[in-house]
């Protein structure tokens, strides 16, 4: 998987779960990472990063201003940042819906808009969707937001071709993420029973696939949503 070329990655959602695992993998392979964080004091091993971008995904109105002076040329933007409220439409208030779509959909769109001339030719954009965006789920608004990401991948792949590839990843249940943390007792085990492989994924599993998708090994992949769900949803 390792390539000789040192790359620059802009990565969101880096303080935990998949995003943290991805950054650790990038640094292990010698790449430069520009993390996007809401509060840089919460960044793990912040001394490893030469540049840190502070950005509150819930405040979409500020994105254009924040990225106005972003003057790096990057090889890839990988968006892990998202929220998973775990609430159905009957439990979610307007304000919660607004935050959910700001964080999961609108802010990533605005960031990509601002990166239009900052991603190198041959670069890539990787967006994290969800199995919920494929098959639906109890938390309807979250599923809708991830379904929007899947559609966005397809549209952007056509707009950015042939110079930049756009690919989505749709994880299933994954340990040490919002999908598994703080579940009520017994629910984790019930969810695992629905997975043919009888286990959850690991953040490192998603990280390795994301890195591969930014590499030359994936140079003919664009507009696709890659399912990583242990066989729980097949299409």
C-alpha atoms as a PDB file:
ATOM      1  CA  UNK A   1       0.000   0.000   0.000  1.00  0.00           C
ATOM      2  CA  UNK A   2       2.857   2.373   0.785  1.00  0.00           C
ATOM      3  CA  UNK A   3       3.915   4.718  -2.010  1.00  0.00           C
ATOM      4  CA  UNK A   4       7.200   6.575  -2.296  1.00  0.00           C
ATOM      5  CA  UNK A   5       5.544   9.946  -2.841  1.00  0.00           C
ATOM      6  CA  UNK A   6       4.950  12.005   0.288  1.00  0.00           C
ATOM      7  CA  UNK A   7       1.474  13.510   0.221  1.00  0.00           C
ATOM      8  CA  UNK A   8      -0.447  16.240   2.038  1.00  0.00           C
ATOM      9  CA  UNK A   9      -3.836  15.235   3.455  1.00  0.00           C
ATOM     10  CA  UNK A  10      -6.549  17.514   4.815  1.00  0.00           C
ATOM     11  CA  UNK A  11      -8.522  15.384   7.274  1.00  0.00           C
ATOM     12  CA  UNK A  12     -11.540  16.122   9.473  1.00  0.00           C
ATOM     13  CA  UNK A  13     -12.898  14.197  12.448  1.00  0.00           C
ATOM     14  CA  UNK A  14      -9.408  13.399  13.677  1.00  0.00           C
ATOM     15  CA  UNK A  15      -9.878  13.398  17.460  1.00  0.00           C
ATOM     16  CA  UNK A  16     -11.344   9.896  17.710  1.00  0.00           C
ATOM     17  CA  UNK A  17     -12.478   6.767  15.896  1.00  0.00           C
ATOM     18  CA  UNK A  18     -11.873   6.354  12.181  1.00  0.00           C
ATOM     19  CA  UNK A  19     -10.359   9.803  11.679  1.00  0.00           C
ATOM     20  CA  UNK A  20      -7.800   9.308  14.430  1.00  0.00           C
ATOM     21  CA  UNK A  21      -6.898   5.860  13.091  1.00  0.00           C
ATOM     22  CA  UNK A  22      -6.493   7.341   9.611  1.00  0.00           C
ATOM     23  CA  UNK A  23      -4.188  10.115  10.817  1.00  0.00           C
ATOM     24  CA  UNK A  24      -2.074   7.609  12.746  1.00  0.00           C
ATOM     25  CA  UNK A  25      -1.748   5.524   9.583  1.00  0.00           C
ATOM     26  CA  UNK A  26      -0.807   8.534   7.470  1.00  0.00           C
ATOM     27  CA  UNK A  27       1.895   9.591   9.902  1.00  0.00           C
ATOM     28  CA  UNK A  28       3.216   6.031  10.097  1.00  0.00           C
ATOM     29  CA  UNK A  29       3.621   6.062   6.314  1.00  0.00           C
ATOM     30  CA  UNK A  30       5.349   9.444   6.326  1.00  0.00           C
ATOM     31  CA  UNK A  31       2.620  11.703   4.933  1.00  0.00           C
ATOM     32  CA  UNK A  32       1.829  15.233   6.103  1.00  0.00           C
ATOM     33  CA  UNK A  33      -1.561  15.811   7.742  1.00  0.00           C
ATOM     34  CA  UNK A  34      -3.476  19.043   8.168  1.00  0.00           C
ATOM     35  CA  UNK A  35      -6.169  18.182  10.717  1.00  0.00           C
ATOM     36  CA  UNK A  36      -9.502  20.000  10.903  1.00  0.00           C
ATOM     37  CA  UNK A  37     -10.694  20.265  14.513  1.00  0.00           C
ATOM     38  CA  UNK A  38     -13.267  22.289  16.383  1.00  0.00           C
ATOM     39  CA  UNK A  39     -10.943  22.704  19.361  1.00  0.00           C
ATOM     40  CA  UNK A  40      -7.245  22.050  18.824  1.00  0.00           C
ATOM     41  CA  UNK A  41      -6.713  21.445  22.551  1.00  0.00           C
ATOM     42  CA  UNK A  42      -8.580  18.148  22.080  1.00  0.00           C
ATOM     43  CA  UNK A  43      -6.249  16.989  19.315  1.00  0.00           C
ATOM     44  CA  UNK A  44      -4.280  13.866  20.211  1.00  0.00           C
ATOM     45  CA  UNK A  45      -0.506  14.364  19.856  1.00  0.00           C
ATOM     46  CA  UNK A  46      -0.948  17.887  18.511  1.00  0.00           C
ATOM     47  CA  UNK A  47       2.823  18.369  18.484  1.00  0.00           C
ATOM     48  CA  UNK A  48       2.980  16.031  15.467  1.00  0.00           C
ATOM     49  CA  UNK A  49       1.140  18.537  13.264  1.00  0.00           C
ATOM     50  CA  UNK A  50       2.821  21.570  11.707  1.00  0.00           C
ATOM     51  CA  UNK A  51      -0.494  23.083  10.642  1.00  0.00           C
ATOM     52  CA  UNK A  52      -3.893  22.769  12.342  1.00  0.00           C
ATOM     53  CA  UNK A  53      -7.164  24.200  11.035  1.00  0.00           C
ATOM     54  CA  UNK A  54      -9.800  25.097  13.624  1.00  0.00           C
ATOM     55  CA  UNK A  55     -13.301  24.815  12.210  1.00  0.00           C
ATOM     56  CA  UNK A  56     -16.689  24.302  13.857  1.00  0.00           C
ATOM     57  CA  UNK A  57     -18.671  22.119  11.471  1.00  0.00           C
ATOM     58  CA  UNK A  58     -21.950  23.159  13.085  1.00  0.00           C
ATOM     59  CA  UNK A  59     -21.363  26.784  12.033  1.00  0.00           C
ATOM     60  CA  UNK A  60     -21.549  26.393   8.264  1.00  0.00           C
ATOM     61  CA  UNK A  61     -21.883  30.143   7.713  1.00  0.00           C
ATOM     62  CA  UNK A  62     -18.244  30.601   8.764  1.00  0.00           C
ATOM     63  CA  UNK A  63     -16.713  28.062   6.374  1.00  0.00           C
ATOM     64  CA  UNK A  64     -16.084  30.408   3.450  1.00  0.00           C
ATOM     65  CA  UNK A  65     -14.319  32.849   5.788  1.00  0.00           C
ATOM     66  CA  UNK A  66     -12.241  30.145   7.482  1.00  0.00           C
ATOM     67  CA  UNK A  67     -11.014  28.733   4.165  1.00  0.00           C
ATOM     68  CA  UNK A  68     -10.517  32.097   2.482  1.00  0.00           C
ATOM     69  CA  UNK A  69      -6.826  32.122   3.408  1.00  0.00           C
ATOM     70  CA  UNK A  70      -6.238  28.387   3.077  1.00  0.00           C
ATOM     71  CA  UNK A  71      -3.175  28.419   0.801  1.00  0.00           C
ATOM     72  CA  UNK A  72      -2.018  24.800   0.843  1.00  0.00           C
ATOM     73  CA  UNK A  73      -2.021  22.531  -2.172  1.00  0.00           C
ATOM     74  CA  UNK A  74      -3.238  19.149  -0.989  1.00  0.00           C
ATOM     75  CA  UNK A  75      -3.321  15.657  -2.445  1.00  0.00           C
ATOM     76  CA  UNK A  76      -6.534  14.595  -0.734  1.00  0.00           C
ATOM     77  CA  UNK A  77      -9.397  15.755   1.454  1.00  0.00           C
ATOM     78  CA  UNK A  78     -10.821  12.999   3.647  1.00  0.00           C
ATOM     79  CA  UNK A  79     -13.952  13.880   5.613  1.00  0.00           C
ATOM     80  CA  UNK A  80     -14.631  11.777   8.713  1.00  0.00           C
ATOM     81  CA  UNK A  81     -16.392  14.482  10.754  1.00  0.00           C
ATOM     82  CA  UNK A  82     -20.042  13.683  11.474  1.00  0.00           C
ATOM     83  CA  UNK A  83     -22.592  13.369  14.258  1.00  0.00           C
ATOM     84  CA  UNK A  84     -24.841  10.404  15.023  1.00  0.00           C
ATOM     85  CA  UNK A  85     -27.676  11.608  17.301  1.00  0.00           C
ATOM     86  CA  UNK A  86     -29.510   8.264  17.277  1.00  0.00           C
ATOM     87  CA  UNK A  87     -32.921   9.972  17.183  1.00  0.00           C
ATOM     88  CA  UNK A  88     -35.897   9.321  14.938  1.00  0.00           C
ATOM     89  CA  UNK A  89     -37.801  12.111  13.196  1.00  0.00           C
ATOM     90  CA  UNK A  90     -40.310  12.023  16.049  1.00  0.00           C
ATOM     91  CA  UNK A  91     -37.598  12.766  18.612  1.00  0.00           C
ATOM     92  CA  UNK A  92     -35.571  15.342  16.700  1.00  0.00           C
ATOM     93  CA  UNK A  93     -36.311  19.075  17.001  1.00  0.00           C
ATOM     94  CA  UNK A  94     -35.676  21.605  14.242  1.00  0.00           C
ATOM     95  CA  UNK A  95     -32.490  22.876  15.864  1.00  0.00           C
ATOM     96  CA  UNK A  96     -31.143  19.344  16.078  1.00  0.00           C
ATOM     97  CA  UNK A  97     -31.945  18.701  12.434  1.00  0.00           C
ATOM     98  CA  UNK A  98     -30.202  21.918  11.464  1.00  0.00           C
ATOM     99  CA  UNK A  99     -27.034  20.972  13.371  1.00  0.00           C
ATOM    100  CA  UNK A 100     -27.126  17.446  11.947  1.00  0.00           C
ATOM    101  CA  UNK A 101     -27.285  18.591   8.329  1.00  0.00           C
ATOM    102  CA  UNK A 102     -24.804  21.425   8.875  1.00  0.00           C
ATOM    103  CA  UNK A 103     -22.224  19.002  10.235  1.00  0.00           C
ATOM    104  CA  UNK A 104     -22.898  15.967   8.048  1.00  0.00           C
ATOM    105  CA  UNK A 105     -23.733  17.609   4.724  1.00  0.00           C
ATOM    106  CA  UNK A 106     -23.564  21.390   4.350  1.00  0.00           C
ATOM    107  CA  UNK A 107     -20.139  22.044   5.849  1.00  0.00           C
ATOM    108  CA  UNK A 108     -18.428  19.280   3.819  1.00  0.00           C
ATOM    109  CA  UNK A 109     -20.016  20.734   0.675  1.00  0.00           C
ATOM    110  CA  UNK A 110     -18.744  24.222   1.486  1.00  0.00           C
ATOM    111  CA  UNK A 111     -15.260  22.945   2.293  1.00  0.00           C
ATOM    112  CA  UNK A 112     -15.080  21.122  -1.037  1.00  0.00           C
ATOM    113  CA  UNK A 113     -16.283  24.285  -2.776  1.00  0.00           C
ATOM    114  CA  UNK A 114     -13.364  26.171  -1.219  1.00  0.00           C
ATOM    115  CA  UNK A 115     -10.884  23.437  -2.129  1.00  0.00           C
ATOM    116  CA  UNK A 116     -11.764  23.493  -5.836  1.00  0.00           C
ATOM    117  CA  UNK A 117      -8.380  24.923  -6.859  1.00  0.00           C
ATOM    118  CA  UNK A 118      -6.384  23.522  -3.937  1.00  0.00           C
ATOM    119  CA  UNK A 119      -6.458  19.807  -4.730  1.00  0.00           C
ATOM    120  CA  UNK A 120      -3.605  18.679  -6.964  1.00  0.00           C
ATOM    121  CA  UNK A 121      -4.255  17.035 -10.298  1.00  0.00           C
ATOM    122  CA  UNK A 122      -4.491  13.316  -9.635  1.00  0.00           C
ATOM    123  CA  UNK A 123      -5.749  13.966  -6.114  1.00  0.00           C
ATOM    124  CA  UNK A 124      -8.868  12.690  -4.424  1.00  0.00           C
ATOM    125  CA  UNK A 125     -11.790  13.464  -2.159  1.00  0.00           C
ATOM    126  CA  UNK A 126     -12.980  10.720   0.195  1.00  0.00           C
ATOM    127  CA  UNK A 127     -16.330  11.183   1.953  1.00  0.00           C
ATOM    128  CA  UNK A 128     -17.608   8.915   4.713  1.00  0.00           C
ATOM    129  CA  UNK A 129     -21.199   7.822   4.287  1.00  0.00           C
ATOM    130  CA  UNK A 130     -22.895   5.005   6.178  1.00  0.00           C
ATOM    131  CA  UNK A 131     -24.727   1.718   5.841  1.00  0.00           C
ATOM    132  CA  UNK A 132     -27.701   3.753   7.119  1.00  0.00           C
ATOM    133  CA  UNK A 133     -27.576   5.815   3.937  1.00  0.00           C
ATOM    134  CA  UNK A 134     -27.948   2.606   1.926  1.00  0.00           C
ATOM    135  CA  UNK A 135     -30.651   0.708   3.785  1.00  0.00           C
ATOM    136  CA  UNK A 136     -32.221   3.266   6.132  1.00  0.00           C
ATOM    137  CA  UNK A 137     -32.244   3.066   9.922  1.00  0.00           C
ATOM    138  CA  UNK A 138     -34.130   3.967  13.084  1.00  0.00           C
ATOM    139  CA  UNK A 139     -32.507   7.406  13.157  1.00  0.00           C
ATOM    140  CA  UNK A 140     -34.109   8.652   9.950  1.00  0.00           C
ATOM    141  CA  UNK A 141     -32.467  12.120   9.830  1.00  0.00           C
ATOM    142  CA  UNK A 142     -28.977  10.608  10.148  1.00  0.00           C
ATOM    143  CA  UNK A 143     -29.752   8.088   7.386  1.00  0.00           C
ATOM    144  CA  UNK A 144     -31.002  10.940   5.193  1.00  0.00           C
ATOM    145  CA  UNK A 145     -27.839  12.962   5.784  1.00  0.00           C
ATOM    146  CA  UNK A 146     -25.632  10.028   4.800  1.00  0.00           C
ATOM    147  CA  UNK A 147     -27.807   9.289   1.782  1.00  0.00           C
ATOM    148  CA  UNK A 148     -27.127  12.874   0.741  1.00  0.00           C
ATOM    149  CA  UNK A 149     -23.387  12.212   1.007  1.00  0.00           C
ATOM    150  CA  UNK A 150     -23.715   9.162  -1.243  1.00  0.00           C
ATOM    151  CA  UNK A 151     -25.495  11.242  -3.883  1.00  0.00           C
ATOM    152  CA  UNK A 152     -22.932  14.018  -3.480  1.00  0.00           C
ATOM    153  CA  UNK A 153     -20.106  11.580  -4.229  1.00  0.00           C
ATOM    154  CA  UNK A 154     -21.695  10.668  -7.561  1.00  0.00           C
ATOM    155  CA  UNK A 155     -22.354  14.267  -8.592  1.00  0.00           C
ATOM    156  CA  UNK A 156     -18.896  15.523  -7.594  1.00  0.00           C
ATOM    157  CA  UNK A 157     -17.161  12.601  -9.297  1.00  0.00           C
ATOM    158  CA  UNK A 158     -18.572  13.830 -12.609  1.00  0.00           C
ATOM    159  CA  UNK A 159     -17.735  17.479 -11.934  1.00  0.00           C
ATOM    160  CA  UNK A 160     -14.128  16.869 -10.841  1.00  0.00           C
ATOM    161  CA  UNK A 161     -13.262  14.279 -13.503  1.00  0.00           C
ATOM    162  CA  UNK A 162     -10.788  13.674 -14.999  1.00  0.00           C
ATOM    163  CA  UNK A 163      -8.374  15.478 -12.681  1.00  0.00           C
ATOM    164  CA  UNK A 164      -9.700  14.525  -9.225  1.00  0.00           C
ATOM    165  CA  UNK A 165     -11.406  11.350  -8.061  1.00  0.00           C
ATOM    166  CA  UNK A 166     -14.298  11.386  -5.574  1.00  0.00           C
ATOM    167  CA  UNK A 167     -15.118   8.213  -3.630  1.00  0.00           C
ATOM    168  CA  UNK A 168     -17.433   7.383  -0.727  1.00  0.00           C
ATOM    169  CA  UNK A 169     -17.112   4.807   2.037  1.00  0.00           C
ATOM    170  CA  UNK A 170     -20.218   3.382   3.731  1.00  0.00           C
ATOM    171  CA  UNK A 171     -19.163   1.668   6.973  1.00  0.00           C
ATOM    172  CA  UNK A 172     -21.378  -0.659   8.945  1.00  0.00           C
ATOM    173  CA  UNK A 173     -21.126  -1.064  12.710  1.00  0.00           C
ATOM    174  CA  UNK A 174     -17.597  -0.071  13.758  1.00  0.00           C
ATOM    175  CA  UNK A 175     -16.053  -0.290  17.220  1.00  0.00           C
ATOM    176  CA  UNK A 176     -14.850   2.804  19.100  1.00  0.00           C
ATOM    177  CA  UNK A 177     -17.094   5.177  17.142  1.00  0.00           C
ATOM    178  CA  UNK A 178     -20.476   6.850  17.595  1.00  0.00           C
ATOM    179  CA  UNK A 179     -22.030   3.676  16.183  1.00  0.00           C
ATOM    180  CA  UNK A 180     -20.932   1.607  19.192  1.00  0.00           C
ATOM    181  CA  UNK A 181     -20.071   3.954  22.048  1.00  0.00           C
ATOM    182  CA  UNK A 182     -22.718   4.666  24.674  1.00  0.00           C
ATOM    183  CA  UNK A 183     -25.203   2.084  23.419  1.00  0.00           C
ATOM    184  CA  UNK A 184     -27.749   0.841  25.932  1.00  0.00           C
ATOM    185  CA  UNK A 185     -26.823  -2.537  27.503  1.00  0.00           C
ATOM    186  CA  UNK A 186     -27.391  -5.447  25.150  1.00  0.00           C
ATOM    187  CA  UNK A 187     -27.885  -3.380  22.000  1.00  0.00           C
ATOM    188  CA  UNK A 188     -24.312  -3.878  20.790  1.00  0.00           C
ATOM    189  CA  UNK A 189     -24.710  -7.651  20.941  1.00  0.00           C
ATOM    190  CA  UNK A 190     -28.061  -7.451  19.145  1.00  0.00           C
ATOM    191  CA  UNK A 191     -26.491  -5.416  16.357  1.00  0.00           C
ATOM    192  CA  UNK A 192     -23.579  -7.842  15.977  1.00  0.00           C
ATOM    193  CA  UNK A 193     -26.043 -10.712  15.500  1.00  0.00           C
ATOM    194  CA  UNK A 194     -27.293  -8.954  12.362  1.00  0.00           C
ATOM    195  CA  UNK A 195     -23.815  -9.011  10.817  1.00  0.00           C
ATOM    196  CA  UNK A 196     -22.992 -12.202   8.862  1.00  0.00           C
ATOM    197  CA  UNK A 197     -19.335 -12.020   9.957  1.00  0.00           C
ATOM    198  CA  UNK A 198     -20.521 -11.753  13.594  1.00  0.00           C
ATOM    199  CA  UNK A 199     -18.179  -8.922  14.468  1.00  0.00           C
ATOM    200  CA  UNK A 200     -17.881  -5.165  14.196  1.00  0.00           C
ATOM    201  CA  UNK A 201     -15.333  -3.416  12.059  1.00  0.00           C
ATOM    202  CA  UNK A 202     -12.382  -1.561  13.530  1.00  0.00           C
ATOM    203  CA  UNK A 203     -11.478   2.062  12.816  1.00  0.00           C
ATOM    204  CA  UNK A 204      -8.208   0.778  11.377  1.00  0.00           C
ATOM    205  CA  UNK A 205     -10.173  -1.248   8.795  1.00  0.00           C
ATOM    206  CA  UNK A 206     -11.791   1.920   7.472  1.00  0.00           C
ATOM    207  CA  UNK A 207      -8.521   3.851   7.656  1.00  0.00           C
ATOM    208  CA  UNK A 208      -6.664   1.322   5.486  1.00  0.00           C
ATOM    209  CA  UNK A 209      -9.373   1.335   2.825  1.00  0.00           C
ATOM    210  CA  UNK A 210      -9.495   5.149   2.827  1.00  0.00           C
ATOM    211  CA  UNK A 211      -5.745   5.339   2.301  1.00  0.00           C
ATOM    212  CA  UNK A 212      -5.891   2.801  -0.516  1.00  0.00           C
ATOM    213  CA  UNK A 213      -8.615   4.846  -2.215  1.00  0.00           C
ATOM    214  CA  UNK A 214      -6.306   7.883  -2.308  1.00  0.00           C
ATOM    215  CA  UNK A 215      -3.487   5.863  -3.864  1.00  0.00           C
ATOM    216  CA  UNK A 216      -2.512   4.914  -7.397  1.00  0.00           C
ATOM    217  CA  UNK A 217      -4.048   1.499  -6.743  1.00  0.00           C
ATOM    218  CA  UNK A 218      -7.465   3.178  -6.990  1.00  0.00           C
ATOM    219  CA  UNK A 219      -6.753   5.374  -9.994  1.00  0.00           C
ATOM    220  CA  UNK A 220      -9.755   3.915 -11.889  1.00  0.00           C
ATOM    221  CA  UNK A 221     -12.214   4.311  -9.000  1.00  0.00           C
ATOM    222  CA  UNK A 222     -14.453   7.367  -8.839  1.00  0.00           C
ATOM    223  CA  UNK A 223     -18.117   7.963  -8.043  1.00  0.00           C
ATOM    224  CA  UNK A 224     -18.325   4.690  -6.110  1.00  0.00           C
ATOM    225  CA  UNK A 225     -19.631   4.032  -2.605  1.00  0.00           C
ATOM    226  CA  UNK A 226     -17.507   1.313  -1.021  1.00  0.00           C
ATOM    227  CA  UNK A 227     -19.499  -0.838   1.429  1.00  0.00           C
ATOM    228  CA  UNK A 228     -17.565  -2.026   4.492  1.00  0.00           C
ATOM    229  CA  UNK A 229     -20.203  -3.689   6.659  1.00  0.00           C
ATOM    230  CA  UNK A 230     -19.352  -7.353   7.275  1.00  0.00           C
ATOM    231  CA  UNK A 231     -22.087  -8.440   4.867  1.00  0.00           C
ATOM    232  CA  UNK A 232     -24.896  -6.754   6.796  1.00  0.00           C
ATOM    233  CA  UNK A 233     -26.146  -4.981   3.669  1.00  0.00           C
ATOM    234  CA  UNK A 234     -25.554  -6.407   0.194  1.00  0.00           C
ATOM    235  CA  UNK A 235     -26.515  -4.706  -3.059  1.00  0.00           C
END
